[in-house]
């Protein structure tokens, strides 16, 4: 059986419930370089999905999240190395909006209203996920 890398991403809802957080990958990143995307990262061994999501959001953005989460979507993609990745996206709420971006992976961040997404060079697959999340609110 083939082993997957598991990646968790989050639609981070601002505490005011009107905006979401997007982050811009560094240009030289192997995967999705220069694209605006949802924050997230890899699941580590013996870590629960929510613990991984909470850790990754804190490591990448400095944002703490509420304990409630809503499953949005899952997807599979192949990395340039040929490894298969299983991704899962969740809707979560931020406790604060004081972003302290991990500058090793990202160049920028923005809190945006969903209708502003088209102003950014974003990964195409996130739009349907964001639309689905806002229908749940």
N, C-alpha and C. Protein backbone atom coordinates (compact mmCIF):
# COMPACT_ATOMS: atom_id res chain seq x y z
N UNK A 1 0.84 -1.18 0.00
CA UNK A 1 0.00 0.00 0.00
C UNK A 1 0.88 1.25 0.00
N UNK A 2 0.50 2.20 -0.81
CA UNK A 2 1.26 3.43 -0.93
C UNK A 2 1.07 4.33 0.30
N UNK A 3 2.14 4.97 0.73
CA UNK A 3 2.07 5.85 1.88
C UNK A 3 1.91 7.29 1.40
N UNK A 4 1.03 8.02 2.05
CA UNK A 4 0.76 9.41 1.72
C UNK A 4 1.42 10.33 2.73
N UNK A 5 1.81 11.50 2.26
CA UNK A 5 2.14 12.60 3.15
C UNK A 5 0.80 13.26 3.45
N UNK A 6 0.50 13.52 4.71
CA UNK A 6 -0.77 14.15 5.07
C UNK A 6 -0.50 15.61 5.39
N UNK A 7 -1.25 16.48 4.71
CA UNK A 7 -1.12 17.92 4.88
C UNK A 7 -2.47 18.48 5.31
N UNK A 8 -2.45 19.37 6.28
CA UNK A 8 -3.67 20.01 6.76
C UNK A 8 -3.61 21.49 6.44
N UNK A 9 -4.66 22.02 5.87
CA UNK A 9 -4.75 23.45 5.62
C UNK A 9 -5.99 23.99 6.29
N UNK A 10 -5.97 25.31 6.53
CA UNK A 10 -7.07 25.92 7.26
C UNK A 10 -7.56 27.19 6.59
N UNK A 11 -8.86 27.30 6.55
CA UNK A 11 -9.49 28.57 6.25
C UNK A 11 -9.65 29.22 7.61
N UNK A 12 -8.75 30.16 7.90
CA UNK A 12 -8.72 30.80 9.22
C UNK A 12 -9.63 32.02 9.17
N UNK A 13 -10.71 31.94 9.91
CA UNK A 13 -11.68 33.02 9.97
C UNK A 13 -11.24 34.04 11.01
N UNK A 14 -11.23 35.29 10.62
CA UNK A 14 -10.87 36.40 11.51
C UNK A 14 -11.85 36.43 12.69
N UNK A 15 -11.43 36.90 13.85
CA UNK A 15 -12.37 36.98 14.99
C UNK A 15 -13.63 37.80 14.70
N UNK A 16 -13.58 38.72 13.71
CA UNK A 16 -14.78 39.50 13.38
C UNK A 16 -15.73 38.75 12.43
N UNK A 17 -15.34 37.52 12.03
CA UNK A 17 -16.15 36.63 11.17
C UNK A 17 -16.41 37.17 9.76
N UNK A 18 -15.62 38.15 9.29
CA UNK A 18 -15.86 38.71 7.95
C UNK A 18 -14.70 38.49 6.99
N UNK A 19 -13.55 38.10 7.50
CA UNK A 19 -12.36 37.97 6.66
C UNK A 19 -11.66 36.65 6.94
N UNK A 20 -10.83 36.23 5.99
CA UNK A 20 -10.02 35.03 6.16
C UNK A 20 -8.56 35.38 5.94
N UNK A 21 -7.70 34.51 6.44
CA UNK A 21 -6.25 34.71 6.32
C UNK A 21 -5.72 33.92 5.13
N UNK A 22 -4.97 34.62 4.26
CA UNK A 22 -4.22 33.94 3.21
C UNK A 22 -2.76 34.32 3.37
N UNK A 23 -1.89 33.43 2.91
CA UNK A 23 -0.44 33.64 3.02
C UNK A 23 0.19 33.43 1.65
N UNK A 24 1.29 34.14 1.42
CA UNK A 24 2.00 34.04 0.13
C UNK A 24 3.29 33.26 0.30
N UNK A 25 3.39 32.15 -0.44
CA UNK A 25 4.60 31.32 -0.40
C UNK A 25 5.77 32.09 -0.99
N UNK A 26 6.96 31.84 -0.48
CA UNK A 26 8.17 32.43 -1.06
C UNK A 26 8.30 31.99 -2.52
N UNK A 27 8.83 32.86 -3.35
CA UNK A 27 8.97 32.59 -4.78
C UNK A 27 9.78 31.32 -5.06
N UNK A 28 10.81 31.06 -4.24
CA UNK A 28 11.71 29.94 -4.52
C UNK A 28 11.25 28.61 -3.91
N UNK A 29 10.05 28.56 -3.35
CA UNK A 29 9.54 27.30 -2.80
C UNK A 29 9.29 26.31 -3.94
N UNK A 30 9.62 25.06 -3.71
CA UNK A 30 9.47 24.02 -4.73
C UNK A 30 8.00 23.80 -5.09
N UNK A 31 7.14 23.86 -4.09
CA UNK A 31 5.71 23.64 -4.31
C UNK A 31 4.96 24.96 -4.10
N UNK A 32 4.23 25.38 -5.11
CA UNK A 32 3.37 26.57 -5.05
C UNK A 32 4.14 27.88 -4.80
N UNK A 33 5.36 27.98 -5.26
CA UNK A 33 6.17 29.18 -5.06
C UNK A 33 5.48 30.43 -5.60
N UNK A 34 5.42 31.48 -4.79
CA UNK A 34 4.86 32.77 -5.17
C UNK A 34 3.35 32.84 -5.16
N UNK A 35 2.69 31.75 -4.82
CA UNK A 35 1.23 31.72 -4.82
C UNK A 35 0.66 32.06 -3.43
N UNK A 36 -0.50 32.68 -3.45
CA UNK A 36 -1.26 32.92 -2.22
C UNK A 36 -2.07 31.66 -1.94
N UNK A 37 -2.10 31.28 -0.68
CA UNK A 37 -2.74 30.02 -0.31
C UNK A 37 -3.25 30.07 1.12
N UNK A 38 -3.80 28.98 1.56
CA UNK A 38 -4.24 28.85 2.94
C UNK A 38 -3.08 28.32 3.77
N UNK A 39 -2.95 28.78 5.01
CA UNK A 39 -1.87 28.27 5.86
C UNK A 39 -2.11 26.81 6.26
N UNK A 40 -1.03 26.12 6.54
CA UNK A 40 -1.12 24.74 7.00
C UNK A 40 0.21 24.04 6.87
N UNK A 41 0.20 22.73 7.07
CA UNK A 41 1.43 21.98 6.99
C UNK A 41 1.22 20.50 7.23
N UNK A 42 2.32 19.79 7.36
CA UNK A 42 2.32 18.33 7.44
C UNK A 42 1.94 17.81 8.83
N UNK A 43 1.24 16.70 8.81
CA UNK A 43 0.92 15.94 10.00
C UNK A 43 2.18 15.18 10.42
N UNK A 44 2.52 15.24 11.69
CA UNK A 44 3.67 14.49 12.19
C UNK A 44 3.19 13.16 12.77
N UNK A 45 4.11 12.21 12.87
CA UNK A 45 3.77 10.89 13.38
C UNK A 45 3.21 10.99 14.80
N UNK A 46 2.18 10.20 15.07
CA UNK A 46 1.52 10.14 16.39
C UNK A 46 0.88 11.47 16.80
N UNK A 47 0.47 12.28 15.84
CA UNK A 47 -0.17 13.56 16.13
C UNK A 47 -1.61 13.50 15.62
N UNK A 48 -2.55 14.02 16.40
CA UNK A 48 -3.93 14.05 15.93
C UNK A 48 -4.07 15.13 14.86
N UNK A 49 -5.11 15.02 14.04
CA UNK A 49 -5.33 16.01 13.00
C UNK A 49 -5.45 17.41 13.58
N UNK A 50 -6.25 17.55 14.63
CA UNK A 50 -6.45 18.88 15.19
C UNK A 50 -5.19 19.42 15.85
N UNK A 51 -4.45 18.56 16.56
CA UNK A 51 -3.19 19.01 17.17
C UNK A 51 -2.22 19.50 16.10
N UNK A 52 -2.15 18.78 14.98
CA UNK A 52 -1.27 19.19 13.88
C UNK A 52 -1.73 20.51 13.29
N UNK A 53 -3.02 20.66 13.09
CA UNK A 53 -3.56 21.90 12.53
C UNK A 53 -3.26 23.09 13.45
N UNK A 54 -3.50 22.89 14.72
CA UNK A 54 -3.25 23.94 15.72
C UNK A 54 -1.76 24.32 15.75
N UNK A 55 -0.89 23.30 15.74
CA UNK A 55 0.55 23.54 15.77
C UNK A 55 1.01 24.27 14.51
N UNK A 56 0.57 23.79 13.36
CA UNK A 56 1.01 24.41 12.10
C UNK A 56 0.55 25.86 11.98
N UNK A 57 -0.68 26.16 12.35
CA UNK A 57 -1.18 27.53 12.26
C UNK A 57 -0.39 28.43 13.21
N UNK A 58 -0.11 27.94 14.40
CA UNK A 58 0.68 28.73 15.35
C UNK A 58 2.11 28.93 14.85
N UNK A 59 2.76 27.86 14.34
CA UNK A 59 4.13 27.96 13.84
C UNK A 59 4.24 28.90 12.64
N UNK A 60 3.27 28.84 11.75
CA UNK A 60 3.36 29.61 10.51
C UNK A 60 2.86 31.04 10.62
N UNK A 61 1.91 31.27 11.53
CA UNK A 61 1.28 32.59 11.56
C UNK A 61 1.27 33.26 12.94
N UNK A 62 1.59 32.51 13.99
CA UNK A 62 1.51 33.05 15.34
C UNK A 62 0.09 33.17 15.86
N UNK A 63 -0.87 32.66 15.10
CA UNK A 63 -2.29 32.76 15.46
C UNK A 63 -2.71 31.54 16.27
N UNK A 64 -3.41 31.79 17.36
CA UNK A 64 -4.04 30.69 18.10
C UNK A 64 -5.45 30.54 17.59
N UNK A 65 -5.92 29.30 17.57
CA UNK A 65 -7.25 29.02 17.01
C UNK A 65 -8.16 28.44 18.08
N UNK A 66 -9.47 28.60 17.84
CA UNK A 66 -10.46 28.01 18.73
C UNK A 66 -10.45 26.49 18.56
N UNK A 67 -11.03 25.79 19.51
CA UNK A 67 -11.03 24.34 19.46
C UNK A 67 -12.04 23.77 18.46
N UNK A 68 -13.04 24.54 18.09
CA UNK A 68 -14.03 24.05 17.14
C UNK A 68 -13.47 24.12 15.72
N UNK A 69 -13.81 23.11 14.94
CA UNK A 69 -13.37 23.08 13.54
C UNK A 69 -14.47 22.46 12.71
N UNK A 70 -14.48 22.79 11.45
CA UNK A 70 -15.46 22.24 10.51
C UNK A 70 -14.70 21.69 9.31
N UNK A 71 -14.90 20.40 9.02
CA UNK A 71 -14.28 19.78 7.86
C UNK A 71 -14.86 20.39 6.59
N UNK A 72 -13.99 20.75 5.63
CA UNK A 72 -14.43 21.34 4.38
C UNK A 72 -14.21 20.40 3.19
N UNK A 73 -13.00 19.86 3.07
CA UNK A 73 -12.68 19.14 1.84
C UNK A 73 -11.40 18.32 2.02
N UNK A 74 -11.22 17.33 1.14
CA UNK A 74 -9.92 16.65 1.05
C UNK A 74 -9.54 16.54 -0.42
N UNK A 75 -8.27 16.33 -0.65
CA UNK A 75 -7.76 16.28 -2.02
C UNK A 75 -6.46 15.49 -2.03
N UNK A 76 -6.05 15.05 -3.22
CA UNK A 76 -4.79 14.33 -3.39
C UNK A 76 -4.02 15.01 -4.51
N UNK A 77 -2.72 15.21 -4.30
CA UNK A 77 -1.87 15.71 -5.38
C UNK A 77 -0.50 15.06 -5.30
N UNK A 78 0.19 15.08 -6.43
CA UNK A 78 1.52 14.50 -6.51
C UNK A 78 2.55 15.62 -6.45
N UNK A 79 3.51 15.47 -5.55
CA UNK A 79 4.59 16.44 -5.41
C UNK A 79 5.59 16.27 -6.54
N UNK A 80 6.42 17.28 -6.79
CA UNK A 80 7.45 17.15 -7.83
C UNK A 80 8.36 15.93 -7.62
N UNK A 81 8.48 15.48 -6.37
CA UNK A 81 9.30 14.30 -6.06
C UNK A 81 8.60 12.99 -6.39
N UNK A 82 7.31 13.07 -6.75
CA UNK A 82 6.52 11.87 -7.03
C UNK A 82 5.74 11.37 -5.83
N UNK A 83 5.99 11.93 -4.65
CA UNK A 83 5.26 11.52 -3.45
C UNK A 83 3.81 12.00 -3.54
N UNK A 84 2.90 11.14 -3.09
CA UNK A 84 1.49 11.51 -3.08
C UNK A 84 1.16 12.20 -1.75
N UNK A 85 0.35 13.22 -1.85
CA UNK A 85 -0.04 13.98 -0.68
C UNK A 85 -1.55 13.97 -0.54
N UNK A 86 -2.01 13.62 0.64
CA UNK A 86 -3.42 13.72 0.99
C UNK A 86 -3.58 15.00 1.78
N UNK A 87 -4.39 15.90 1.27
CA UNK A 87 -4.63 17.17 1.95
C UNK A 87 -6.04 17.23 2.49
N UNK A 88 -6.19 17.89 3.62
CA UNK A 88 -7.50 18.10 4.22
C UNK A 88 -7.60 19.57 4.61
N UNK A 89 -8.77 20.15 4.36
CA UNK A 89 -8.99 21.55 4.69
C UNK A 89 -10.10 21.66 5.73
N UNK A 90 -9.87 22.54 6.70
CA UNK A 90 -10.84 22.78 7.77
C UNK A 90 -11.11 24.27 7.89
N UNK A 91 -12.30 24.60 8.34
CA UNK A 91 -12.65 25.97 8.70
C UNK A 91 -12.45 26.10 10.20
N UNK A 92 -11.66 27.11 10.59
CA UNK A 92 -11.40 27.35 12.01
C UNK A 92 -11.51 28.84 12.28
N UNK A 93 -11.65 29.21 13.54
CA UNK A 93 -11.71 30.63 13.91
C UNK A 93 -10.46 31.01 14.69
N UNK A 94 -9.92 32.16 14.33
CA UNK A 94 -8.75 32.68 15.04
C UNK A 94 -9.20 33.29 16.36
N UNK A 95 -8.37 33.15 17.37
CA UNK A 95 -8.63 33.79 18.66
C UNK A 95 -8.16 35.24 18.61
N UNK A 96 -7.10 35.49 17.83
CA UNK A 96 -6.59 36.86 17.68
C UNK A 96 -6.21 37.09 16.22
N UNK A 97 -5.89 38.33 15.88
CA UNK A 97 -5.51 38.62 14.49
C UNK A 97 -4.10 39.18 14.37
N UNK A 98 -3.30 38.97 15.40
CA UNK A 98 -1.93 39.49 15.44
C UNK A 98 -0.98 38.50 14.77
N UNK A 99 -0.91 38.55 13.45
CA UNK A 99 -0.11 37.60 12.68
C UNK A 99 1.38 37.89 12.85
N UNK A 100 2.12 36.84 13.17
CA UNK A 100 3.58 36.87 13.21
C UNK A 100 4.05 35.80 12.24
N UNK A 101 4.20 36.21 11.00
CA UNK A 101 4.42 35.29 9.90
C UNK A 101 5.78 34.61 9.97
N UNK A 102 5.80 33.30 9.67
CA UNK A 102 7.04 32.54 9.55
C UNK A 102 7.69 32.94 8.23
N UNK A 103 8.71 33.76 8.28
CA UNK A 103 9.33 34.30 7.07
C UNK A 103 10.23 33.29 6.34
N UNK A 104 10.40 32.09 6.91
CA UNK A 104 11.16 31.06 6.20
C UNK A 104 10.37 30.50 5.03
N UNK A 105 9.04 30.48 5.16
CA UNK A 105 8.19 29.89 4.12
C UNK A 105 7.37 30.92 3.36
N UNK A 106 7.06 32.03 4.00
CA UNK A 106 6.11 32.98 3.43
C UNK A 106 6.70 34.38 3.30
N UNK A 107 6.21 35.10 2.28
CA UNK A 107 6.62 36.48 2.05
C UNK A 107 5.64 37.49 2.62
N UNK A 108 4.36 37.10 2.70
CA UNK A 108 3.34 38.07 3.05
C UNK A 108 2.08 37.36 3.53
N UNK A 109 1.18 38.13 4.12
CA UNK A 109 -0.12 37.62 4.52
C UNK A 109 -1.15 38.72 4.31
N UNK A 110 -2.42 38.32 4.29
CA UNK A 110 -3.49 39.29 4.18
C UNK A 110 -4.75 38.72 4.81
N UNK A 111 -5.47 39.56 5.53
CA UNK A 111 -6.83 39.24 5.97
C UNK A 111 -7.74 39.80 4.89
N UNK A 112 -8.48 38.95 4.21
CA UNK A 112 -9.29 39.42 3.08
C UNK A 112 -10.76 38.99 3.21
N UNK A 113 -11.63 39.79 2.63
CA UNK A 113 -13.02 39.37 2.43
C UNK A 113 -13.01 38.41 1.25
N UNK A 114 -13.92 37.48 1.21
CA UNK A 114 -13.89 36.46 0.16
C UNK A 114 -13.97 37.06 -1.24
N UNK A 115 -14.67 38.17 -1.40
CA UNK A 115 -14.78 38.78 -2.72
C UNK A 115 -13.47 39.44 -3.17
N UNK A 116 -12.50 39.56 -2.29
CA UNK A 116 -11.20 40.14 -2.65
C UNK A 116 -10.20 39.11 -3.16
N UNK A 117 -10.53 37.83 -3.08
CA UNK A 117 -9.59 36.77 -3.44
C UNK A 117 -9.06 36.93 -4.86
N UNK A 118 -9.90 37.35 -5.78
CA UNK A 118 -9.47 37.46 -7.18
C UNK A 118 -8.41 38.54 -7.41
N UNK A 119 -8.13 39.35 -6.42
CA UNK A 119 -7.08 40.37 -6.52
C UNK A 119 -5.69 39.76 -6.27
N UNK A 120 -5.65 38.48 -5.92
CA UNK A 120 -4.39 37.80 -5.57
C UNK A 120 -4.12 36.66 -6.54
N UNK A 121 -2.84 36.32 -6.73
CA UNK A 121 -2.44 35.18 -7.56
C UNK A 121 -2.48 33.94 -6.66
N UNK A 122 -3.65 33.36 -6.53
CA UNK A 122 -3.87 32.29 -5.56
C UNK A 122 -3.93 30.92 -6.22
N UNK A 123 -3.75 29.88 -5.41
CA UNK A 123 -3.93 28.51 -5.89
C UNK A 123 -5.40 28.32 -6.21
N UNK A 124 -5.68 27.87 -7.41
CA UNK A 124 -7.06 27.78 -7.88
C UNK A 124 -7.96 26.92 -7.00
N UNK A 125 -7.41 25.85 -6.43
CA UNK A 125 -8.27 24.93 -5.68
C UNK A 125 -8.83 25.51 -4.39
N UNK A 126 -8.29 26.64 -3.91
CA UNK A 126 -8.79 27.15 -2.63
C UNK A 126 -10.12 27.89 -2.77
N UNK A 127 -10.43 28.40 -3.95
CA UNK A 127 -11.67 29.16 -4.10
C UNK A 127 -12.92 28.33 -3.79
N UNK A 128 -13.08 27.13 -4.36
CA UNK A 128 -14.27 26.34 -4.01
C UNK A 128 -14.33 25.99 -2.52
N UNK A 129 -13.15 25.77 -1.92
CA UNK A 129 -13.12 25.46 -0.48
C UNK A 129 -13.61 26.66 0.34
N UNK A 130 -13.15 27.85 -0.04
CA UNK A 130 -13.56 29.07 0.67
C UNK A 130 -15.05 29.31 0.48
N UNK A 131 -15.53 29.13 -0.74
CA UNK A 131 -16.97 29.28 -1.01
C UNK A 131 -17.78 28.31 -0.16
N UNK A 132 -17.35 27.07 -0.09
CA UNK A 132 -18.06 26.06 0.70
C UNK A 132 -18.05 26.44 2.19
N UNK A 133 -16.92 26.92 2.68
CA UNK A 133 -16.82 27.29 4.10
C UNK A 133 -17.80 28.42 4.44
N UNK A 134 -17.91 29.39 3.56
CA UNK A 134 -18.77 30.53 3.86
C UNK A 134 -20.26 30.17 3.78
N UNK A 135 -20.59 29.11 3.06
CA UNK A 135 -21.98 28.64 3.05
C UNK A 135 -22.35 28.00 4.39
N UNK A 136 -21.34 27.52 5.14
CA UNK A 136 -21.58 26.89 6.44
C UNK A 136 -21.74 27.91 7.57
N UNK A 137 -21.33 29.14 7.33
CA UNK A 137 -21.39 30.15 8.39
C UNK A 137 -22.80 30.69 8.57
